[in-house]
Amino acid sequence: MRPDRDAILKALEQVIDPEIRKPVTELDMVRDVLIEDDGGVSVTIALTVAGCPLRHSFEEQVGKAVGAVEGVTSVRLGFDVMSPQEKAALVSRLQGGRTERTISLSPATRVIAVASGKGGVGKSTLTANLAYALSTLGEEVGILDGDVYGHSIPHMLGVHQKPIAVDEMMVPPVRGDLKLMSIGFFLEENAPVMWRGPMLHK
């Protein structure tokens, strides 16, 4: 029996972008679905950047989701890249249609600041443990590592991938369900960095 196209599109709702954490169908990332008479299915996913480091995640998810649809005998996944117009539409969708940069937190959001006037007292360790503990309890957690001198959070959590830039919006790397942004992602390992005083203390 030839696979049903609607059933395949429904199955693709289970495929989650590992960085944006939303279904590829909701993000309009499904570029094409071709169904052969012998049950073979070819899916094309449009990525935000050509060198996306998480292709294997899409391959695994699409293979599992589409492969479970009745009548599917094989699954092939191809990739394309979003056009500037598609990226702009995606950014607008993720920002809820806002055109200006605003900071808007829901009433349920809590900001926990970990700071100290002295170095080496365990700020990063406390932050990593607290964030991970809250994440394992089912909370949605993100870390903004603003330590310009000792940005050790990426190393502590074992996150080495770079943030993805979608136009002017940065998509943070994810460790499990924990989102993370750090100055450490923008520097080469063990590389020195020179800060201008006005920029550093801005």
N, C-alpha and C. Protein backbone atom coordinates (compact mmCIF):
# COMPACT_ATOMS: atom_id res chain seq x y z
N MET A 1 0.84 -1.20 0.00
CA MET A 1 0.00 0.00 0.00
C MET A 1 0.88 1.25 0.00
N ARG A 2 0.56 2.19 -0.86
CA ARG A 2 1.32 3.44 -0.95
C ARG A 2 1.09 4.28 0.30
N PRO A 3 2.16 4.78 0.92
CA PRO A 3 2.02 5.57 2.14
C PRO A 3 1.17 6.81 1.92
N ASP A 4 0.44 7.21 2.96
CA ASP A 4 -0.41 8.39 2.89
C ASP A 4 0.40 9.65 3.21
N ARG A 5 0.30 10.65 2.36
CA ARG A 5 1.08 11.87 2.54
C ARG A 5 0.74 12.58 3.85
N ASP A 6 -0.55 12.66 4.16
CA ASP A 6 -0.96 13.33 5.40
C ASP A 6 -0.41 12.61 6.63
N ALA A 7 -0.34 11.28 6.55
CA ALA A 7 0.21 10.51 7.67
C ALA A 7 1.70 10.80 7.84
N ILE A 8 2.40 10.99 6.73
CA ILE A 8 3.83 11.30 6.79
C ILE A 8 4.04 12.69 7.38
N LEU A 9 3.25 13.66 6.94
CA LEU A 9 3.36 15.02 7.49
C LEU A 9 3.02 15.03 8.98
N LYS A 10 2.05 14.21 9.37
CA LYS A 10 1.71 14.11 10.79
C LYS A 10 2.88 13.52 11.57
N ALA A 11 3.54 12.53 10.99
CA ALA A 11 4.69 11.91 11.65
C ALA A 11 5.83 12.90 11.80
N LEU A 12 5.99 13.79 10.82
CA LEU A 12 7.07 14.77 10.87
C LEU A 12 6.87 15.80 11.98
N GLU A 13 5.67 15.87 12.55
CA GLU A 13 5.44 16.75 13.69
C GLU A 13 6.22 16.28 14.91
N GLN A 14 6.67 15.03 14.89
CA GLN A 14 7.45 14.49 16.00
C GLN A 14 8.93 14.87 15.89
N VAL A 15 9.34 15.38 14.73
CA VAL A 15 10.74 15.74 14.51
C VAL A 15 10.98 17.14 15.07
N ILE A 16 11.82 17.23 16.08
CA ILE A 16 12.07 18.48 16.78
C ILE A 16 13.44 19.04 16.42
N ASP A 17 13.47 20.33 16.06
CA ASP A 17 14.76 20.97 15.84
C ASP A 17 15.51 20.97 17.17
N PRO A 18 16.68 20.35 17.25
CA PRO A 18 17.38 20.20 18.53
C PRO A 18 17.87 21.50 19.14
N GLU A 19 17.89 22.59 18.38
CA GLU A 19 18.33 23.87 18.93
C GLU A 19 17.16 24.79 19.22
N ILE A 20 16.23 24.90 18.30
CA ILE A 20 15.08 25.78 18.51
C ILE A 20 14.03 25.11 19.37
N ARG A 21 14.06 23.77 19.43
CA ARG A 21 13.17 22.98 20.28
C ARG A 21 11.71 23.08 19.88
N LYS A 22 11.47 23.17 18.60
CA LYS A 22 10.11 23.16 18.07
C LYS A 22 10.04 22.21 16.89
N PRO A 23 8.83 21.68 16.57
CA PRO A 23 8.69 20.75 15.44
C PRO A 23 9.09 21.41 14.12
N VAL A 24 9.71 20.64 13.25
CA VAL A 24 10.13 21.18 11.95
C VAL A 24 8.93 21.61 11.11
N THR A 25 7.78 20.98 11.34
CA THR A 25 6.58 21.37 10.60
C THR A 25 6.10 22.75 11.04
N GLU A 26 6.22 23.03 12.33
CA GLU A 26 5.81 24.34 12.85
C GLU A 26 6.75 25.44 12.38
N LEU A 27 8.01 25.08 12.13
CA LEU A 27 9.02 26.05 11.71
C LEU A 27 9.11 26.17 10.19
N ASP A 28 8.23 25.47 9.47
CA ASP A 28 8.24 25.47 7.99
C ASP A 28 9.58 25.03 7.43
N MET A 29 10.17 24.02 8.05
CA MET A 29 11.47 23.51 7.61
C MET A 29 11.33 22.33 6.65
N VAL A 30 10.11 21.79 6.50
CA VAL A 30 9.90 20.67 5.58
C VAL A 30 9.76 21.24 4.17
N ARG A 31 10.79 21.09 3.37
CA ARG A 31 10.82 21.67 2.04
C ARG A 31 10.05 20.81 1.04
N ASP A 32 10.17 19.49 1.16
CA ASP A 32 9.54 18.61 0.17
C ASP A 32 9.37 17.21 0.73
N VAL A 33 8.32 16.52 0.28
CA VAL A 33 8.07 15.11 0.62
C VAL A 33 7.70 14.39 -0.67
N LEU A 34 8.51 13.43 -1.08
CA LEU A 34 8.25 12.64 -2.28
C LEU A 34 7.96 11.20 -1.89
N ILE A 35 6.89 10.65 -2.45
CA ILE A 35 6.48 9.28 -2.12
C ILE A 35 6.52 8.43 -3.38
N GLU A 36 7.28 7.36 -3.35
CA GLU A 36 7.39 6.44 -4.48
C GLU A 36 6.32 5.35 -4.39
N ASP A 37 6.00 4.74 -5.53
CA ASP A 37 5.00 3.68 -5.55
C ASP A 37 5.42 2.46 -4.73
N ASP A 38 6.73 2.25 -4.58
CA ASP A 38 7.20 1.09 -3.83
C ASP A 38 7.28 1.36 -2.32
N GLY A 39 6.81 2.54 -1.89
CA GLY A 39 6.80 2.86 -0.46
C GLY A 39 8.00 3.65 0.01
N GLY A 40 8.91 3.96 -0.89
CA GLY A 40 10.07 4.78 -0.52
C GLY A 40 9.66 6.23 -0.35
N VAL A 41 10.18 6.87 0.68
CA VAL A 41 9.84 8.27 0.97
C VAL A 41 11.12 9.11 1.05
N SER A 42 11.11 10.24 0.35
CA SER A 42 12.23 11.18 0.40
C SER A 42 11.74 12.48 1.03
N VAL A 43 12.43 12.92 2.07
CA VAL A 43 12.07 14.15 2.77
C VAL A 43 13.23 15.14 2.66
N THR A 44 12.91 16.39 2.38
CA THR A 44 13.93 17.44 2.33
C THR A 44 13.65 18.44 3.44
N ILE A 45 14.67 18.67 4.28
CA ILE A 45 14.58 19.62 5.38
C ILE A 45 15.42 20.84 5.05
N ALA A 46 14.85 22.03 5.22
CA ALA A 46 15.58 23.27 4.99
C ALA A 46 16.21 23.72 6.31
N LEU A 47 17.55 23.79 6.34
CA LEU A 47 18.27 24.19 7.54
C LEU A 47 18.49 25.70 7.57
N THR A 48 18.72 26.22 8.78
CA THR A 48 18.96 27.66 8.90
C THR A 48 20.34 28.04 8.37
N VAL A 49 21.31 27.12 8.51
CA VAL A 49 22.66 27.35 8.00
C VAL A 49 23.14 26.10 7.29
N ALA A 50 24.01 26.27 6.31
CA ALA A 50 24.47 25.14 5.50
C ALA A 50 25.26 24.13 6.32
N GLY A 51 26.10 24.61 7.22
CA GLY A 51 26.96 23.70 7.98
C GLY A 51 26.38 23.31 9.32
N CYS A 52 25.08 23.12 9.41
CA CYS A 52 24.44 22.77 10.68
C CYS A 52 25.09 21.52 11.27
N PRO A 53 25.60 21.60 12.51
CA PRO A 53 26.31 20.46 13.11
C PRO A 53 25.39 19.36 13.63
N LEU A 54 24.07 19.56 13.54
CA LEU A 54 23.14 18.61 14.13
C LEU A 54 22.34 17.83 13.08
N ARG A 55 22.92 17.64 11.91
CA ARG A 55 22.22 16.91 10.85
C ARG A 55 21.88 15.49 11.28
N HIS A 56 22.80 14.87 12.04
CA HIS A 56 22.58 13.48 12.44
C HIS A 56 21.32 13.34 13.28
N SER A 57 21.00 14.39 14.06
CA SER A 57 19.79 14.35 14.88
C SER A 57 18.55 14.32 13.99
N PHE A 58 18.54 15.15 12.93
CA PHE A 58 17.42 15.14 11.99
C PHE A 58 17.32 13.79 11.29
N GLU A 59 18.45 13.24 10.88
CA GLU A 59 18.45 11.95 10.18
C GLU A 59 17.84 10.86 11.06
N GLU A 60 18.23 10.86 12.32
CA GLU A 60 17.73 9.85 13.25
C GLU A 60 16.24 10.02 13.51
N GLN A 61 15.81 11.26 13.74
CA GLN A 61 14.41 11.53 14.05
C GLN A 61 13.49 11.26 12.86
N VAL A 62 13.90 11.74 11.68
CA VAL A 62 13.07 11.54 10.48
C VAL A 62 12.97 10.06 10.14
N GLY A 63 14.09 9.35 10.22
CA GLY A 63 14.07 7.92 9.92
C GLY A 63 13.14 7.16 10.84
N LYS A 64 13.16 7.51 12.12
CA LYS A 64 12.31 6.83 13.09
C LYS A 64 10.84 7.19 12.92
N ALA A 65 10.54 8.48 12.76
CA ALA A 65 9.15 8.94 12.68
C ALA A 65 8.48 8.50 11.38
N VAL A 66 9.13 8.77 10.25
CA VAL A 66 8.53 8.43 8.95
C VAL A 66 8.56 6.93 8.72
N GLY A 67 9.61 6.27 9.19
CA GLY A 67 9.71 4.82 9.02
C GLY A 67 8.61 4.05 9.70
N ALA A 68 7.97 4.68 10.70
CA ALA A 68 6.89 4.00 11.43
C ALA A 68 5.53 4.15 10.75
N VAL A 69 5.46 4.97 9.70
CA VAL A 69 4.19 5.16 8.98
C VAL A 69 3.87 3.92 8.15
N GLU A 70 2.62 3.52 8.17
CA GLU A 70 2.19 2.32 7.43
C GLU A 70 2.49 2.46 5.94
N GLY A 71 3.11 1.45 5.37
CA GLY A 71 3.40 1.42 3.95
C GLY A 71 4.76 1.94 3.56
N VAL A 72 5.48 2.57 4.49
CA VAL A 72 6.80 3.11 4.19
C VAL A 72 7.84 1.99 4.21
N THR A 73 8.57 1.85 3.13
CA THR A 73 9.58 0.79 3.03
C THR A 73 11.00 1.32 3.22
N SER A 74 11.21 2.59 2.91
CA SER A 74 12.54 3.19 3.10
C SER A 74 12.39 4.70 3.25
N VAL A 75 13.37 5.30 3.92
CA VAL A 75 13.34 6.75 4.16
C VAL A 75 14.67 7.35 3.75
N ARG A 76 14.61 8.38 2.92
CA ARG A 76 15.81 9.12 2.53
C ARG A 76 15.62 10.58 2.93
N LEU A 77 16.66 11.15 3.52
CA LEU A 77 16.58 12.54 3.97
C LEU A 77 17.62 13.39 3.25
N GLY A 78 17.16 14.49 2.67
CA GLY A 78 18.05 15.45 2.04
C GLY A 78 17.95 16.80 2.74
N PHE A 79 18.94 17.65 2.52
CA PHE A 79 18.96 18.95 3.18
C PHE A 79 19.07 20.08 2.17
N ASP A 80 18.44 21.19 2.51
CA ASP A 80 18.55 22.42 1.74
C ASP A 80 18.82 23.54 2.75
N VAL A 81 18.99 24.75 2.28
CA VAL A 81 19.25 25.88 3.17
C VAL A 81 18.18 26.94 2.95
N MET A 82 17.70 27.52 4.04
CA MET A 82 16.68 28.55 3.96
C MET A 82 17.20 29.78 3.23
N SER A 83 16.31 30.41 2.48
CA SER A 83 16.64 31.67 1.81
C SER A 83 16.61 32.79 2.86
N PRO A 84 17.20 33.95 2.55
CA PRO A 84 17.13 35.08 3.50
C PRO A 84 15.70 35.44 3.88
N GLN A 85 14.77 35.33 2.94
CA GLN A 85 13.38 35.64 3.23
C GLN A 85 12.78 34.62 4.20
N GLU A 86 13.13 33.35 4.01
CA GLU A 86 12.62 32.31 4.91
C GLU A 86 13.21 32.47 6.31
N LYS A 87 14.48 32.84 6.38
CA LYS A 87 15.10 33.07 7.69
C LYS A 87 14.43 34.24 8.41
N ALA A 88 14.14 35.30 7.66
CA ALA A 88 13.48 36.47 8.25
C ALA A 88 12.10 36.10 8.78
N ALA A 89 11.38 35.27 8.02
CA ALA A 89 10.05 34.82 8.46
C ALA A 89 10.16 33.96 9.71
N LEU A 90 11.21 33.12 9.77
CA LEU A 90 11.41 32.26 10.93
C LEU A 90 11.72 33.10 12.17
N VAL A 91 12.59 34.09 12.02
CA VAL A 91 12.93 34.96 13.14
C VAL A 91 11.69 35.69 13.65
N SER A 92 10.88 36.20 12.72
CA SER A 92 9.65 36.90 13.10
C SER A 92 8.71 35.97 13.85
N ARG A 93 8.63 34.72 13.40
CA ARG A 93 7.77 33.74 14.06
C ARG A 93 8.26 33.44 15.48
N LEU A 94 9.57 33.27 15.62
CA LEU A 94 10.14 32.95 16.93
C LEU A 94 10.04 34.12 17.89
N GLN A 95 10.04 35.34 17.35
CA GLN A 95 9.93 36.52 18.19
C GLN A 95 8.48 36.95 18.40
N GLY A 96 7.57 36.14 17.94
CA GLY A 96 6.16 36.45 18.13
C GLY A 96 5.69 37.64 17.34
N GLY A 97 6.36 37.92 16.22
CA GLY A 97 5.95 39.04 15.38
C GLY A 97 6.53 40.37 15.79
N ARG A 98 7.32 40.41 16.88
CA ARG A 98 7.91 41.67 17.32
C ARG A 98 9.02 42.09 16.36
N THR A 99 9.07 43.35 16.03
CA THR A 99 10.11 43.86 15.13
C THR A 99 11.22 44.56 15.90
N GLU A 100 10.91 45.06 17.11
CA GLU A 100 11.92 45.72 17.91
C GLU A 100 12.47 44.76 18.96
N ARG A 101 13.72 44.99 19.35
CA ARG A 101 14.32 44.16 20.38
C ARG A 101 13.76 44.56 21.74
N THR A 102 13.09 43.66 22.38
CA THR A 102 12.51 43.93 23.69
C THR A 102 12.83 42.76 24.62
N ILE A 103 12.84 43.05 25.91
CA ILE A 103 13.01 42.00 26.91
C ILE A 103 11.68 41.84 27.60
N SER A 104 11.03 40.73 27.35
CA SER A 104 9.71 40.49 27.91
C SER A 104 9.70 39.11 28.55
N LEU A 105 9.54 39.07 29.86
CA LEU A 105 9.51 37.80 30.58
C LEU A 105 8.10 37.51 31.04
N SER A 106 7.70 36.27 30.94
CA SER A 106 6.37 35.88 31.40
C SER A 106 6.35 35.92 32.93
N PRO A 107 5.17 36.05 33.53
CA PRO A 107 5.08 36.08 35.00
C PRO A 107 5.64 34.82 35.66
N ALA A 108 5.69 33.72 34.91
CA ALA A 108 6.18 32.46 35.49
C ALA A 108 7.71 32.37 35.47
N THR A 109 8.36 33.30 34.76
CA THR A 109 9.82 33.25 34.63
C THR A 109 10.50 33.83 35.87
N ARG A 110 11.52 33.14 36.33
CA ARG A 110 12.30 33.61 37.48
C ARG A 110 13.76 33.76 37.05
N VAL A 111 14.35 34.87 37.37
CA VAL A 111 15.75 35.11 37.07
C VAL A 111 16.56 34.96 38.35
N ILE A 112 17.53 34.06 38.33
CA ILE A 112 18.40 33.83 39.48
C ILE A 112 19.81 34.30 39.11
N ALA A 113 20.29 35.31 39.80
CA ALA A 113 21.63 35.85 39.52
C ALA A 113 22.64 35.26 40.49
N VAL A 114 23.72 34.74 39.95
CA VAL A 114 24.81 34.20 40.77
C VAL A 114 26.03 35.08 40.53
N ALA A 115 26.46 35.78 41.56
CA ALA A 115 27.56 36.74 41.39
C ALA A 115 28.42 36.80 42.65
N SER A 116 29.61 37.33 42.48
CA SER A 116 30.53 37.51 43.60
C SER A 116 31.59 38.52 43.21
N GLY A 117 32.09 39.26 44.20
CA GLY A 117 33.15 40.21 43.94
C GLY A 117 34.52 39.57 43.94
N LYS A 118 34.56 38.27 44.16
CA LYS A 118 35.84 37.56 44.23
C LYS A 118 35.81 36.38 43.27
N GLY A 119 36.93 36.09 42.67
CA GLY A 119 37.02 34.95 41.76
C GLY A 119 37.35 33.67 42.49
N GLY A 120 37.02 32.55 41.86
CA GLY A 120 37.39 31.25 42.40
C GLY A 120 36.59 30.79 43.59
N VAL A 121 35.38 31.33 43.77
CA VAL A 121 34.58 30.93 44.93
C VAL A 121 33.48 29.93 44.56
N GLY A 122 33.38 29.56 43.29
CA GLY A 122 32.41 28.53 42.90
C GLY A 122 31.16 29.02 42.22
N LYS A 123 31.21 30.22 41.63
CA LYS A 123 30.02 30.75 40.95
C LYS A 123 29.57 29.85 39.81
N SER A 124 30.52 29.44 38.98
CA SER A 124 30.19 28.61 37.82
C SER A 124 29.71 27.23 38.26
N THR A 125 30.35 26.68 39.28
CA THR A 125 29.94 25.36 39.78
C THR A 125 28.52 25.41 40.33
N LEU A 126 28.23 26.44 41.12
CA LEU A 126 26.88 26.60 41.68
C LEU A 126 25.86 26.78 40.57
N THR A 127 26.20 27.62 39.59
CA THR A 127 25.28 27.88 38.48
C THR A 127 24.97 26.61 37.70
N ALA A 128 26.01 25.85 37.36
CA ALA A 128 25.82 24.62 36.58
C ALA A 128 24.99 23.61 37.35
N ASN A 129 25.28 23.42 38.63
CA ASN A 129 24.54 22.44 39.43
C ASN A 129 23.09 22.86 39.64
N LEU A 130 22.88 24.15 39.91
CA LEU A 130 21.52 24.65 40.12
C LEU A 130 20.68 24.52 38.85
N ALA A 131 21.27 24.91 37.72
CA ALA A 131 20.54 24.82 36.45
C ALA A 131 20.21 23.38 36.09
N TYR A 132 21.19 22.50 36.27
CA TYR A 132 20.97 21.09 35.93
C TYR A 132 19.91 20.48 36.84
N ALA A 133 19.95 20.82 38.13
CA ALA A 133 18.96 20.28 39.07
C ALA A 133 17.55 20.73 38.71
N LEU A 134 17.39 22.00 38.39
CA LEU A 134 16.07 22.52 38.00
C LEU A 134 15.60 21.88 36.70
N SER A 135 16.54 21.67 35.77
CA SER A 135 16.18 21.05 34.50
C SER A 135 15.69 19.62 34.69
N THR A 136 16.34 18.86 35.57
CA THR A 136 15.93 17.48 35.81
C THR A 136 14.58 17.41 36.52
N LEU A 137 14.18 18.50 37.16
CA LEU A 137 12.87 18.56 37.81
C LEU A 137 11.76 18.93 36.83
N GLY A 138 12.15 19.15 35.57
CA GLY A 138 11.17 19.44 34.54
C GLY A 138 10.99 20.92 34.23
N GLU A 139 11.80 21.76 34.84
CA GLU A 139 11.70 23.20 34.57
C GLU A 139 12.44 23.55 33.27
N GLU A 140 11.97 24.59 32.59
CA GLU A 140 12.67 25.10 31.41
C GLU A 140 13.75 26.06 31.90
N VAL A 141 15.01 25.72 31.63
CA VAL A 141 16.12 26.46 32.21
C VAL A 141 17.11 26.91 31.13
N GLY A 142 17.61 28.12 31.28
CA GLY A 142 18.67 28.61 30.41
C GLY A 142 19.73 29.29 31.24
N ILE A 143 20.98 29.18 30.82
CA ILE A 143 22.09 29.83 31.51
C ILE A 143 22.68 30.91 30.60
N LEU A 144 22.83 32.11 31.13
CA LEU A 144 23.57 33.17 30.45
C LEU A 144 24.86 33.37 31.23
N ASP A 145 25.95 32.86 30.71
CA ASP A 145 27.25 32.94 31.37
C ASP A 145 27.92 34.26 30.99
N GLY A 146 27.81 35.24 31.89
CA GLY A 146 28.34 36.56 31.60
C GLY A 146 29.74 36.78 32.16
N ASP A 147 30.43 35.71 32.51
CA ASP A 147 31.78 35.82 33.07
C ASP A 147 32.78 36.00 31.92
N VAL A 148 33.23 37.23 31.73
CA VAL A 148 34.13 37.50 30.60
C VAL A 148 35.56 37.07 30.88
N TYR A 149 35.88 36.81 32.14
CA TYR A 149 37.25 36.42 32.49
C TYR A 149 37.39 34.91 32.66
N GLY A 150 36.40 34.28 33.27
CA GLY A 150 36.52 32.84 33.56
C GLY A 150 35.30 32.08 33.10
N HIS A 151 35.05 32.08 31.79
CA HIS A 151 33.86 31.44 31.22
C HIS A 151 34.05 29.92 31.17
N SER A 152 33.80 29.25 32.30
CA SER A 152 34.05 27.81 32.38
C SER A 152 32.78 26.97 32.26
N ILE A 153 31.62 27.62 32.18
CA ILE A 153 30.36 26.88 32.11
C ILE A 153 30.31 25.91 30.92
N PRO A 154 30.68 26.32 29.69
CA PRO A 154 30.64 25.36 28.57
C PRO A 154 31.47 24.12 28.84
N HIS A 155 32.65 24.30 29.44
CA HIS A 155 33.52 23.16 29.75
C HIS A 155 32.89 22.28 30.81
N MET A 156 32.29 22.88 31.82
CA MET A 156 31.66 22.10 32.90
C MET A 156 30.52 21.24 32.39
N LEU A 157 29.74 21.79 31.46
CA LEU A 157 28.58 21.07 30.94
C LEU A 157 28.90 20.25 29.70
N GLY A 158 30.13 20.32 29.22
CA GLY A 158 30.52 19.53 28.06
C GLY A 158 29.86 19.97 26.78
N VAL A 159 29.61 21.27 26.65
CA VAL A 159 28.98 21.82 25.44
C VAL A 159 30.05 22.54 24.62
N HIS A 160 30.30 22.07 23.41
CA HIS A 160 31.37 22.63 22.60
C HIS A 160 30.88 23.19 21.26
N GLN A 161 29.61 22.96 20.92
CA GLN A 161 29.11 23.47 19.65
C GLN A 161 28.88 24.97 19.74
N LYS A 162 28.96 25.64 18.61
CA LYS A 162 28.78 27.08 18.56
C LYS A 162 27.30 27.43 18.44
N PRO A 163 26.91 28.61 18.92
CA PRO A 163 25.53 29.06 18.70
C PRO A 163 25.27 29.23 17.21
N ILE A 164 24.03 29.05 16.81
CA ILE A 164 23.63 29.23 15.42
C ILE A 164 23.03 30.62 15.26
N ALA A 165 23.48 31.35 14.25
CA ALA A 165 22.95 32.69 13.99
C ALA A 165 21.89 32.60 12.89
N VAL A 166 20.69 33.02 13.21
CA VAL A 166 19.60 33.11 12.23
C VAL A 166 19.32 34.59 12.04
N ASP A 167 19.86 35.16 10.95
CA ASP A 167 19.85 36.60 10.74
C ASP A 167 20.51 37.27 11.95
N GLU A 168 19.78 38.10 12.70
CA GLU A 168 20.38 38.79 13.84
C GLU A 168 20.02 38.13 15.17
N MET A 169 19.48 36.94 15.13
CA MET A 169 19.10 36.25 16.35
C MET A 169 20.01 35.06 16.59
N MET A 170 20.48 34.90 17.82
CA MET A 170 21.35 33.79 18.19
C MET A 170 20.51 32.67 18.80
N VAL A 171 20.70 31.45 18.31
CA VAL A 171 20.02 30.28 18.86
C VAL A 171 21.03 29.56 19.75
N PRO A 172 20.78 29.48 21.06
CA PRO A 172 21.77 28.91 21.98
C PRO A 172 21.93 27.41 21.83
N PRO A 173 23.13 26.90 22.08
CA PRO A 173 23.34 25.45 22.13
C PRO A 173 22.50 24.84 23.25
N VAL A 174 22.22 23.55 23.13
CA VAL A 174 21.38 22.87 24.11
C VAL A 174 22.09 21.64 24.62
N ARG A 175 22.03 21.44 25.93
CA ARG A 175 22.55 20.22 26.56
C ARG A 175 21.37 19.56 27.25
N GLY A 176 20.87 18.47 26.65
CA GLY A 176 19.63 17.88 27.17
C GLY A 176 18.50 18.86 26.92
N ASP A 177 17.88 19.37 27.99
CA ASP A 177 16.85 20.39 27.87
C ASP A 177 17.35 21.74 28.38
N LEU A 178 18.65 21.84 28.62
CA LEU A 178 19.24 23.05 29.19
C LEU A 178 19.86 23.91 28.09
N LYS A 179 19.40 25.15 27.96
CA LYS A 179 19.94 26.07 26.97
C LYS A 179 21.08 26.88 27.59
N LEU A 180 22.07 27.19 26.78
CA LEU A 180 23.27 27.83 27.32
C LEU A 180 23.85 28.85 26.34
N MET A 181 24.22 30.01 26.87
CA MET A 181 24.93 31.01 26.08
C MET A 181 26.10 31.53 26.91
N SER A 182 27.27 31.60 26.30
CA SER A 182 28.48 32.00 27.02
C SER A 182 29.46 32.67 26.07
N ILE A 183 30.25 33.59 26.60
CA ILE A 183 31.31 34.21 25.80
C ILE A 183 32.31 33.16 25.35
N GLY A 184 32.38 32.05 26.09
CA GLY A 184 33.29 30.97 25.73
C GLY A 184 33.02 30.37 24.37
N PHE A 185 31.78 30.50 23.88
CA PHE A 185 31.44 29.95 22.57
C PHE A 185 32.03 30.77 21.42
N PHE A 186 32.42 32.00 21.71
CA PHE A 186 32.87 32.89 20.65
C PHE A 186 34.39 33.02 20.58
N LEU A 187 35.08 32.24 21.40
CA LEU A 187 36.53 32.26 21.42
C LEU A 187 37.08 30.88 21.12
N GLU A 188 38.24 30.84 20.51
CA GLU A 188 38.91 29.57 20.31
C GLU A 188 39.45 29.08 21.66
N GLU A 189 39.49 27.76 21.82
CA GLU A 189 39.92 27.19 23.10
C GLU A 189 41.33 27.66 23.46
N ASN A 190 41.47 28.10 24.71
CA ASN A 190 42.75 28.57 25.27
C ASN A 190 43.30 29.81 24.55
N ALA A 191 42.44 30.51 23.83
CA ALA A 191 42.88 31.72 23.13
C ALA A 191 42.66 32.94 24.02
N PRO A 192 43.61 33.88 24.03
CA PRO A 192 43.44 35.10 24.83
C PRO A 192 42.44 36.04 24.16
N VAL A 193 41.87 36.94 24.92
CA VAL A 193 40.94 37.92 24.37
C VAL A 193 41.25 39.27 24.99
N MET A 194 41.24 40.30 24.16
CA MET A 194 41.47 41.66 24.65
C MET A 194 40.15 42.42 24.62
N TRP A 195 39.77 43.00 25.75
CA TRP A 195 38.54 43.76 25.84
C TRP A 195 38.87 45.25 25.94
N ARG A 196 38.13 46.05 25.22
CA ARG A 196 38.20 47.49 25.41
C ARG A 196 37.49 47.83 26.71
N GLY A 197 38.07 48.70 27.52
CA GLY A 197 37.48 49.04 28.80
C GLY A 197 36.02 49.44 28.74
N PRO A 198 35.63 50.38 27.85
CA PRO A 198 34.22 50.78 27.77
C PRO A 198 33.30 49.61 27.42
N MET A 199 33.77 48.69 26.58
CA MET A 199 32.96 47.54 26.21
C MET A 199 32.85 46.57 27.38
N LEU A 200 33.96 46.35 28.06
CA LEU A 200 33.99 45.40 29.17
C LEU A 200 33.07 45.81 30.30
N HIS A 201 33.01 47.11 30.58
CA HIS A 201 32.24 47.60 31.73
C HIS A 201 30.90 48.18 31.32
N LYS A 202 30.50 47.93 30.08
CA LYS A 202 29.23 48.48 29.59
C LYS A 202 28.06 47.90 30.35
